[in-house]
Amino acid sequence: MLLLDVVLGYGSNLKPLEDIVPAIAEAFLRNRELSIVASVTGTETDPQVRSKVVKGLEAAGVLVMPSNAGACRLAGEIVRLGAKKVNS
């Protein structure tokens, strides 16, 4: 399980997808059962454009939630379900 919080805006990476998507692809290659959950903090007026970053992450297989709290809840549920499978 990976939980990511991608922060956009001035002072942040201007091209976050160029750095993060290759690492995501490698992580999925190493572990096909891996779940990656993320939130993207930013707006459409940020230089990175929030919707483009969200679409890029989703295209890479990331489950993107609308808030970091929602991403944390989803990640927790995925971990709990995985624990149930292991203990069954």
PDB file of N, CA and C in Angstrom:
ATOM      1  N   MET A   1       0.844  -1.166   0.000  1.00  0.00           N
ATOM      2  CA  MET A   1       0.000   0.000   0.000  1.00  0.00           C
ATOM      3  C   MET A   1       0.892   1.232   0.000  1.00  0.00           C
ATOM      4  N   LEU A   2       0.641   2.118  -0.937  1.00  0.00           N
ATOM      5  CA  LEU A   2       1.294   3.423  -0.934  1.00  0.00           C
ATOM      6  C   LEU A   2       0.220   4.489  -0.837  1.00  0.00           C
ATOM      7  N   LEU A   3       0.463   5.475  -0.022  1.00  0.00           N
ATOM      8  CA  LEU A   3      -0.437   6.608   0.135  1.00  0.00           C
ATOM      9  C   LEU A   3       0.343   7.859  -0.246  1.00  0.00           C
ATOM     10  N   LEU A   4      -0.151   8.570  -1.247  1.00  0.00           N
ATOM     11  CA  LEU A   4       0.545   9.751  -1.756  1.00  0.00           C
ATOM     12  C   LEU A   4      -0.301  11.000  -1.564  1.00  0.00           C
ATOM     13  N   ASP A   5       0.357  12.092  -1.264  1.00  0.00           N
ATOM     14  CA  ASP A   5      -0.285  13.400  -1.215  1.00  0.00           C
ATOM     15  C   ASP A   5       0.499  14.287  -2.169  1.00  0.00           C
ATOM     16  N   VAL A   6      -0.060  14.556  -3.322  1.00  0.00           N
ATOM     17  CA  VAL A   6       0.604  15.360  -4.340  1.00  0.00           C
ATOM     18  C   VAL A   6       0.156  16.803  -4.166  1.00  0.00           C
ATOM     19  N   VAL A   7       1.120  17.683  -3.925  1.00  0.00           N
ATOM     20  CA  VAL A   7       0.813  19.090  -3.671  1.00  0.00           C
ATOM     21  C   VAL A   7       1.255  19.922  -4.865  1.00  0.00           C
ATOM     22  N   LEU A   8       0.325  20.706  -5.381  1.00  0.00           N
ATOM     23  CA  LEU A   8       0.584  21.553  -6.544  1.00  0.00           C
ATOM     24  C   LEU A   8       0.761  23.001  -6.113  1.00  0.00           C
ATOM     25  N   GLY A   9       1.162  23.818  -7.050  1.00  0.00           N
ATOM     26  CA  GLY A   9       1.282  25.247  -6.805  1.00  0.00           C
ATOM     27  C   GLY A   9       2.701  25.735  -7.020  1.00  0.00           C
ATOM     28  N   TYR A  10       2.872  27.028  -6.878  1.00  0.00           N
ATOM     29  CA  TYR A  10       4.196  27.623  -7.007  1.00  0.00           C
ATOM     30  C   TYR A  10       5.081  27.130  -5.868  1.00  0.00           C
ATOM     31  N   GLY A  11       6.299  26.783  -6.193  1.00  0.00           N
ATOM     32  CA  GLY A  11       7.200  26.215  -5.203  1.00  0.00           C
ATOM     33  C   GLY A  11       7.176  24.696  -5.203  1.00  0.00           C
ATOM     34  N   SER A  12       6.212  24.107  -5.903  1.00  0.00           N
ATOM     35  CA  SER A  12       6.136  22.650  -6.044  1.00  0.00           C
ATOM     36  C   SER A  12       6.705  22.263  -7.405  1.00  0.00           C
ATOM     37  N   ASN A  13       6.925  20.979  -7.599  1.00  0.00           N
ATOM     38  CA  ASN A  13       7.413  20.476  -8.878  1.00  0.00           C
ATOM     39  C   ASN A  13       6.467  20.921  -9.993  1.00  0.00           C
ATOM     40  N   LEU A  14       7.002  21.566 -11.020  1.00  0.00           N
ATOM     41  CA  LEU A  14       6.156  22.059 -12.104  1.00  0.00           C
ATOM     42  C   LEU A  14       5.658  20.947 -13.017  1.00  0.00           C
ATOM     43  N   LYS A  15       6.322  19.795 -13.006  1.00  0.00           N
ATOM     44  CA  LYS A  15       5.913  18.659 -13.829  1.00  0.00           C
ATOM     45  C   LYS A  15       5.925  17.388 -12.976  1.00  0.00           C
ATOM     46  N   PRO A  16       5.010  17.300 -12.008  1.00  0.00           N
ATOM     47  CA  PRO A  16       5.064  16.167 -11.073  1.00  0.00           C
ATOM     48  C   PRO A  16       4.862  14.814 -11.737  1.00  0.00           C
ATOM     49  N   LEU A  17       4.067  14.760 -12.782  1.00  0.00           N
ATOM     50  CA  LEU A  17       3.818  13.465 -13.423  1.00  0.00           C
ATOM     51  C   LEU A  17       5.081  12.884 -14.044  1.00  0.00           C
ATOM     52  N   GLU A  18       5.954  13.743 -14.547  1.00  0.00           N
ATOM     53  CA  GLU A  18       7.193  13.255 -15.160  1.00  0.00           C
ATOM     54  C   GLU A  18       8.078  12.535 -14.143  1.00  0.00           C
ATOM     55  N   ASP A  19       7.998  12.947 -12.894  1.00  0.00           N
ATOM     56  CA  ASP A  19       8.816  12.309 -11.868  1.00  0.00           C
ATOM     57  C   ASP A  19       8.117  11.138 -11.195  1.00  0.00           C
ATOM     58  N   ILE A  20       6.822  11.245 -11.002  1.00  0.00           N
ATOM     59  CA  ILE A  20       6.138  10.242 -10.180  1.00  0.00           C
ATOM     60  C   ILE A  20       5.614   9.050 -10.988  1.00  0.00           C
ATOM     61  N   VAL A  21       5.172   9.252 -12.213  1.00  0.00           N
ATOM     62  CA  VAL A  21       4.580   8.149 -12.985  1.00  0.00           C
ATOM     63  C   VAL A  21       5.584   7.031 -13.266  1.00  0.00           C
ATOM     64  N   PRO A  22       6.839   7.314 -13.634  1.00  0.00           N
ATOM     65  CA  PRO A  22       7.781   6.203 -13.816  1.00  0.00           C
ATOM     66  C   PRO A  22       7.994   5.392 -12.531  1.00  0.00           C
ATOM     67  N   ALA A  23       8.038   6.060 -11.394  1.00  0.00           N
ATOM     68  CA  ALA A  23       8.203   5.344 -10.124  1.00  0.00           C
ATOM     69  C   ALA A  23       6.974   4.501  -9.820  1.00  0.00           C
ATOM     70  N   ILE A  24       5.796   5.005 -10.143  1.00  0.00           N
ATOM     71  CA  ILE A  24       4.553   4.245  -9.955  1.00  0.00           C
ATOM     72  C   ILE A  24       4.563   3.005 -10.835  1.00  0.00           C
ATOM     73  N   ALA A  25       4.945   3.184 -12.089  1.00  0.00           N
ATOM     74  CA  ALA A  25       4.985   2.041 -13.014  1.00  0.00           C
ATOM     75  C   ALA A  25       5.951   0.974 -12.516  1.00  0.00           C
ATOM     76  N   GLU A  26       7.109   1.388 -12.015  1.00  0.00           N
ATOM     77  CA  GLU A  26       8.078   0.419 -11.482  1.00  0.00           C
ATOM     78  C   GLU A  26       7.534  -0.280 -10.245  1.00  0.00           C
ATOM     79  N   ALA A  27       6.851   0.461  -9.392  1.00  0.00           N
ATOM     80  CA  ALA A  27       6.276  -0.147  -8.186  1.00  0.00           C
ATOM     81  C   ALA A  27       5.248  -1.204  -8.554  1.00  0.00           C
ATOM     82  N   PHE A  28       4.402  -0.920  -9.542  1.00  0.00           N
ATOM     83  CA  PHE A  28       3.402  -1.899  -9.975  1.00  0.00           C
ATOM     84  C   PHE A  28       4.067  -3.121 -10.617  1.00  0.00           C
ATOM     85  N   LEU A  29       5.163  -2.926 -11.324  1.00  0.00           N
ATOM     86  CA  LEU A  29       5.887  -4.059 -11.911  1.00  0.00           C
ATOM     87  C   LEU A  29       6.465  -4.965 -10.824  1.00  0.00           C
ATOM     88  N   ARG A  30       6.938  -4.377  -9.756  1.00  0.00           N
ATOM     89  CA  ARG A  30       7.539  -5.149  -8.667  1.00  0.00           C
ATOM     90  C   ARG A  30       6.501  -5.861  -7.809  1.00  0.00           C
ATOM     91  N   ASN A  31       5.287  -5.286  -7.747  1.00  0.00           N
ATOM     92  CA  ASN A  31       4.248  -5.864  -6.893  1.00  0.00           C
ATOM     93  C   ASN A  31       2.892  -5.639  -7.555  1.00  0.00           C
ATOM     94  N   ARG A  32       2.409  -6.641  -8.238  1.00  0.00           N
ATOM     95  CA  ARG A  32       1.151  -6.514  -8.983  1.00  0.00           C
ATOM     96  C   ARG A  32      -0.072  -6.406  -8.075  1.00  0.00           C
ATOM     97  N   GLU A  33       0.070  -6.728  -6.810  1.00  0.00           N
ATOM     98  CA  GLU A  33      -1.040  -6.595  -5.861  1.00  0.00           C
ATOM     99  C   GLU A  33      -1.015  -5.266  -5.109  1.00  0.00           C
ATOM    100  N   LEU A  34      -0.091  -4.417  -5.457  1.00  0.00           N
ATOM    101  CA  LEU A  34       0.069  -3.125  -4.792  1.00  0.00           C
ATOM    102  C   LEU A  34      -1.135  -2.223  -5.069  1.00  0.00           C
ATOM    103  N   SER A  35      -1.568  -1.518  -4.049  1.00  0.00           N
ATOM    104  CA  SER A  35      -2.574  -0.467  -4.206  1.00  0.00           C
ATOM    105  C   SER A  35      -1.892   0.862  -3.940  1.00  0.00           C
ATOM    106  N   ILE A  36      -2.173   1.829  -4.794  1.00  0.00           N
ATOM    107  CA  ILE A  36      -1.654   3.183  -4.596  1.00  0.00           C
ATOM    108  C   ILE A  36      -2.843   4.128  -4.553  1.00  0.00           C
ATOM    109  N   VAL A  37      -2.944   4.857  -3.460  1.00  0.00           N
ATOM    110  CA  VAL A  37      -4.028   5.814  -3.245  1.00  0.00           C
ATOM    111  C   VAL A  37      -3.394   7.193  -3.107  1.00  0.00           C
ATOM    112  N   ALA A  38      -4.035   8.196  -3.687  1.00  0.00           N
ATOM    113  CA  ALA A  38      -3.473   9.546  -3.621  1.00  0.00           C
ATOM    114  C   ALA A  38      -4.563  10.589  -3.486  1.00  0.00           C
ATOM    115  N   SER A  39      -4.132  11.749  -3.036  1.00  0.00           N
ATOM    116  CA  SER A  39      -4.943  12.953  -3.130  1.00  0.00           C
ATOM    117  C   SER A  39      -4.076  13.987  -3.831  1.00  0.00           C
ATOM    118  N   VAL A  40      -4.719  14.927  -4.490  1.00  0.00           N
ATOM    119  CA  VAL A  40      -4.001  16.002  -5.165  1.00  0.00           C
ATOM    120  C   VAL A  40      -4.508  17.312  -4.587  1.00  0.00           C
ATOM    121  N   THR A  41      -3.620  18.024  -3.931  1.00  0.00           N
ATOM    122  CA  THR A  41      -3.964  19.302  -3.330  1.00  0.00           C
ATOM    123  C   THR A  41      -3.550  20.405  -4.292  1.00  0.00           C
ATOM    124  N   GLY A  42      -4.542  21.095  -4.825  1.00  0.00           N
ATOM    125  CA  GLY A  42      -4.265  22.169  -5.768  1.00  0.00           C
ATOM    126  C   GLY A  42      -5.527  22.585  -6.490  1.00  0.00           C
ATOM    127  N   THR A  43      -5.361  23.463  -7.475  1.00  0.00           N
ATOM    128  CA  THR A  43      -6.499  23.991  -8.228  1.00  0.00           C
ATOM    129  C   THR A  43      -6.215  23.957  -9.717  1.00  0.00           C
ATOM    130  N   GLU A  44      -7.222  24.261 -10.487  1.00  0.00           N
ATOM    131  CA  GLU A  44      -7.068  24.346 -11.940  1.00  0.00           C
ATOM    132  C   GLU A  44      -6.170  25.516 -12.347  1.00  0.00           C
ATOM    133  N   THR A  45      -6.050  26.514 -11.490  1.00  0.00           N
ATOM    134  CA  THR A  45      -5.229  27.682 -11.822  1.00  0.00           C
ATOM    135  C   THR A  45      -3.769  27.521 -11.398  1.00  0.00           C
ATOM    136  N   ASP A  46      -3.433  26.408 -10.731  1.00  0.00           N
ATOM    137  CA  ASP A  46      -2.033  26.147 -10.425  1.00  0.00           C
ATOM    138  C   ASP A  46      -1.294  25.846 -11.726  1.00  0.00           C
ATOM    139  N   PRO A  47       0.018  26.104 -11.769  1.00  0.00           N
ATOM    140  CA  PRO A  47       0.772  25.860 -13.011  1.00  0.00           C
ATOM    141  C   PRO A  47       0.686  24.414 -13.491  1.00  0.00           C
ATOM    142  N   GLN A  48       0.488  23.470 -12.568  1.00  0.00           N
ATOM    143  CA  GLN A  48       0.442  22.051 -12.935  1.00  0.00           C
ATOM    144  C   GLN A  48      -0.953  21.624 -13.396  1.00  0.00           C
ATOM    145  N   VAL A  49      -1.973  22.360 -13.126  1.00  0.00           N
ATOM    146  CA  VAL A  49      -3.384  22.113 -13.461  1.00  0.00           C
ATOM    147  C   VAL A  49      -3.861  20.801 -12.817  1.00  0.00           C
ATOM    148  N   ARG A  50      -4.629  20.954 -11.767  1.00  0.00           N
ATOM    149  CA  ARG A  50      -5.060  19.828 -10.944  1.00  0.00           C
ATOM    150  C   ARG A  50      -5.676  18.692 -11.760  1.00  0.00           C
ATOM    151  N   SER A  51      -6.599  19.004 -12.664  1.00  0.00           N
ATOM    152  CA  SER A  51      -7.291  17.946 -13.415  1.00  0.00           C
ATOM    153  C   SER A  51      -6.322  17.133 -14.267  1.00  0.00           C
ATOM    154  N   LYS A  52      -5.294  17.760 -14.807  1.00  0.00           N
ATOM    155  CA  LYS A  52      -4.306  17.021 -15.608  1.00  0.00           C
ATOM    156  C   LYS A  52      -3.505  16.063 -14.743  1.00  0.00           C
ATOM    157  N   VAL A  53      -3.144  16.505 -13.549  1.00  0.00           N
ATOM    158  CA  VAL A  53      -2.386  15.639 -12.649  1.00  0.00           C
ATOM    159  C   VAL A  53      -3.253  14.468 -12.192  1.00  0.00           C
ATOM    160  N   VAL A  54      -4.513  14.746 -11.856  1.00  0.00           N
ATOM    161  CA  VAL A  54      -5.429  13.678 -11.439  1.00  0.00           C
ATOM    162  C   VAL A  54      -5.581  12.652 -12.559  1.00  0.00           C
ATOM    163  N   LYS A  55      -5.825  13.108 -13.775  1.00  0.00           N
ATOM    164  CA  LYS A  55      -5.994  12.185 -14.908  1.00  0.00           C
ATOM    165  C   LYS A  55      -4.730  11.373 -15.162  1.00  0.00           C
ATOM    166  N   GLY A  56      -3.578  11.999 -15.036  1.00  0.00           N
ATOM    167  CA  GLY A  56      -2.314  11.286 -15.240  1.00  0.00           C
ATOM    168  C   GLY A  56      -2.085  10.213 -14.197  1.00  0.00           C
ATOM    169  N   LEU A  57      -2.407  10.529 -12.951  1.00  0.00           N
ATOM    170  CA  LEU A  57      -2.267   9.533 -11.887  1.00  0.00           C
ATOM    171  C   LEU A  57      -3.244   8.383 -12.087  1.00  0.00           C
ATOM    172  N   GLU A  58      -4.491   8.709 -12.417  1.00  0.00           N
ATOM    173  CA  GLU A  58      -5.482   7.663 -12.649  1.00  0.00           C
ATOM    174  C   GLU A  58      -5.084   6.779 -13.821  1.00  0.00           C
ATOM    175  N   ALA A  59      -4.534   7.381 -14.874  1.00  0.00           N
ATOM    176  CA  ALA A  59      -4.089   6.594 -16.031  1.00  0.00           C
ATOM    177  C   ALA A  59      -2.947   5.652 -15.650  1.00  0.00           C
ATOM    178  N   ALA A  60      -2.184   6.024 -14.630  1.00  0.00           N
ATOM    179  CA  ALA A  60      -1.085   5.178 -14.157  1.00  0.00           C
ATOM    180  C   ALA A  60      -1.569   4.094 -13.203  1.00  0.00           C
ATOM    181  N   GLY A  61      -2.863   4.098 -12.855  1.00  0.00           N
ATOM    182  CA  GLY A  61      -3.414   3.062 -11.991  1.00  0.00           C
ATOM    183  C   GLY A  61      -3.607   3.479 -10.545  1.00  0.00           C
ATOM    184  N   VAL A  62      -3.440   4.766 -10.269  1.00  0.00           N
ATOM    185  CA  VAL A  62      -3.584   5.276  -8.900  1.00  0.00           C
ATOM    186  C   VAL A  62      -5.051   5.569  -8.619  1.00  0.00           C
ATOM    187  N   LEU A  63      -5.513   5.230  -7.429  1.00  0.00           N
ATOM    188  CA  LEU A  63      -6.857   5.577  -6.976  1.00  0.00           C
ATOM    189  C   LEU A  63      -6.764   6.974  -6.367  1.00  0.00           C
ATOM    190  N   VAL A  64      -7.334   7.971  -7.043  1.00  0.00           N
ATOM    191  CA  VAL A  64      -7.236   9.355  -6.593  1.00  0.00           C
ATOM    192  C   VAL A  64      -8.535   9.751  -5.898  1.00  0.00           C
ATOM    193  N   MET A  65      -8.390  10.217  -4.677  1.00  0.00           N
ATOM    194  CA  MET A  65      -9.523  10.662  -3.883  1.00  0.00           C
ATOM    195  C   MET A  65      -9.553  12.187  -3.852  1.00  0.00           C
ATOM    196  N   PRO A  66     -10.728  12.779  -3.593  1.00  0.00           N
ATOM    197  CA  PRO A  66     -10.844  14.242  -3.640  1.00  0.00           C
ATOM    198  C   PRO A  66     -10.176  14.974  -2.481  1.00  0.00           C
ATOM    199  N   SER A  67      -9.807  14.271  -1.420  1.00  0.00           N
ATOM    200  CA  SER A  67      -9.148  14.927  -0.285  1.00  0.00           C
ATOM    201  C   SER A  67      -8.142  13.969   0.337  1.00  0.00           C
ATOM    202  N   ASN A  68      -7.204  14.528   1.112  1.00  0.00           N
ATOM    203  CA  ASN A  68      -6.250  13.637   1.764  1.00  0.00           C
ATOM    204  C   ASN A  68      -6.925  12.814   2.858  1.00  0.00           C
ATOM    205  N   ALA A  69      -7.968  13.354   3.478  1.00  0.00           N
ATOM    206  CA  ALA A  69      -8.718  12.572   4.471  1.00  0.00           C
ATOM    207  C   ALA A  69      -9.396  11.380   3.800  1.00  0.00           C
ATOM    208  N   GLY A  70      -9.997  11.601   2.645  1.00  0.00           N
ATOM    209  CA  GLY A  70     -10.629  10.506   1.902  1.00  0.00           C
ATOM    210  C   GLY A  70      -9.615   9.476   1.452  1.00  0.00           C
ATOM    211  N   ALA A  71      -8.449   9.934   1.041  1.00  0.00           N
ATOM    212  CA  ALA A  71      -7.393   9.006   0.623  1.00  0.00           C
ATOM    213  C   ALA A  71      -6.931   8.160   1.809  1.00  0.00           C
ATOM    214  N   CYS A  72      -6.808   8.777   2.971  1.00  0.00           N
ATOM    215  CA  CYS A  72      -6.411   8.031   4.177  1.00  0.00           C
ATOM    216  C   CYS A  72      -7.451   6.989   4.552  1.00  0.00           C
ATOM    217  N   ARG A  73      -8.736   7.360   4.468  1.00  0.00           N
ATOM    218  CA  ARG A  73      -9.795   6.396   4.795  1.00  0.00           C
ATOM    219  C   ARG A  73      -9.767   5.215   3.830  1.00  0.00           C
ATOM    220  N   LEU A  74      -9.635   5.504   2.537  1.00  0.00           N
ATOM    221  CA  LEU A  74      -9.598   4.425   1.556  1.00  0.00           C
ATOM    222  C   LEU A  74      -8.378   3.533   1.786  1.00  0.00           C
ATOM    223  N   ALA A  75      -7.226   4.129   2.012  1.00  0.00           N
ATOM    224  CA  ALA A  75      -6.017   3.341   2.263  1.00  0.00           C
ATOM    225  C   ALA A  75      -6.201   2.446   3.486  1.00  0.00           C
ATOM    226  N   GLY A  76      -6.819   2.989   4.514  1.00  0.00           N
ATOM    227  CA  GLY A  76      -7.081   2.190   5.718  1.00  0.00           C
ATOM    228  C   GLY A  76      -7.985   1.011   5.434  1.00  0.00           C
ATOM    229  N   GLU A  77      -9.021   1.228   4.641  1.00  0.00           N
ATOM    230  CA  GLU A  77      -9.933   0.138   4.284  1.00  0.00           C
ATOM    231  C   GLU A  77      -9.218  -0.932   3.466  1.00  0.00           C
ATOM    232  N   ILE A  78      -8.371  -0.515   2.550  1.00  0.00           N
ATOM    233  CA  ILE A  78      -7.625  -1.481   1.735  1.00  0.00           C
ATOM    234  C   ILE A  78      -6.707  -2.313   2.626  1.00  0.00           C
ATOM    235  N   VAL A  79      -6.040  -1.676   3.566  1.00  0.00           N
ATOM    236  CA  VAL A  79      -5.163  -2.404   4.489  1.00  0.00           C
ATOM    237  C   VAL A  79      -5.976  -3.366   5.338  1.00  0.00           C
ATOM    238  N   ARG A  80      -7.126  -2.908   5.857  1.00  0.00           N
ATOM    239  CA  ARG A  80      -7.973  -3.794   6.678  1.00  0.00           C
ATOM    240  C   ARG A  80      -8.463  -4.990   5.874  1.00  0.00           C
ATOM    241  N   LEU A  81      -8.893  -4.774   4.648  1.00  0.00           N
ATOM    242  CA  LEU A  81      -9.356  -5.890   3.814  1.00  0.00           C
ATOM    243  C   LEU A  81      -8.232  -6.853   3.518  1.00  0.00           C
ATOM    244  N   GLY A  82      -7.027  -6.329   3.280  1.00  0.00           N
ATOM    245  CA  GLY A  82      -5.879  -7.191   3.053  1.00  0.00           C
ATOM    246  C   GLY A  82      -5.537  -8.008   4.274  1.00  0.00           C
ATOM    247  N   ALA A  83      -5.657  -7.408   5.436  1.00  0.00           N
ATOM    248  CA  ALA A  83      -5.389  -8.131   6.686  1.00  0.00           C
ATOM    249  C   ALA A  83      -6.399  -9.242   6.889  1.00  0.00           C
ATOM    250  N   LYS A  84      -7.668  -8.989   6.518  1.00  0.00           N
ATOM    251  CA  LYS A  84      -8.700 -10.026   6.646  1.00  0.00           C
ATOM    252  C   LYS A  84      -8.383 -11.202   5.736  1.00  0.00           C
ATOM    253  N   LYS A  85      -7.900 -10.910   4.499  1.00  0.00           N
ATOM    254  CA  LYS A  85      -7.573 -11.987   3.585  1.00  0.00           C
ATOM    255  C   LYS A  85      -6.441 -12.844   4.136  1.00  0.00           C
ATOM    256  N   VAL A  86      -5.453 -12.216   4.715  1.00  0.00           N
ATOM    257  CA  VAL A  86      -4.292 -12.934   5.254  1.00  0.00           C
ATOM    258  C   VAL A  86      -4.701 -13.780   6.451  1.00  0.00           C
ATOM    259  N   ASN A  87      -5.586 -13.254   7.275  1.00  0.00           N
ATOM    260  CA  ASN A  87      -5.994 -13.970   8.498  1.00  0.00           C
ATOM    261  C   ASN A  87      -7.102 -14.990   8.259  1.00  0.00           C
ATOM    262  N   SER A  88      -7.637 -15.061   7.066  1.00  0.00           N
ATOM    263  CA  SER A  88      -8.733 -16.005   6.793  1.00  0.00           C
ATOM    264  C   SER A  88      -8.242 -17.419   6.626  1.00  0.00           C
TER     265      SER A  88
END
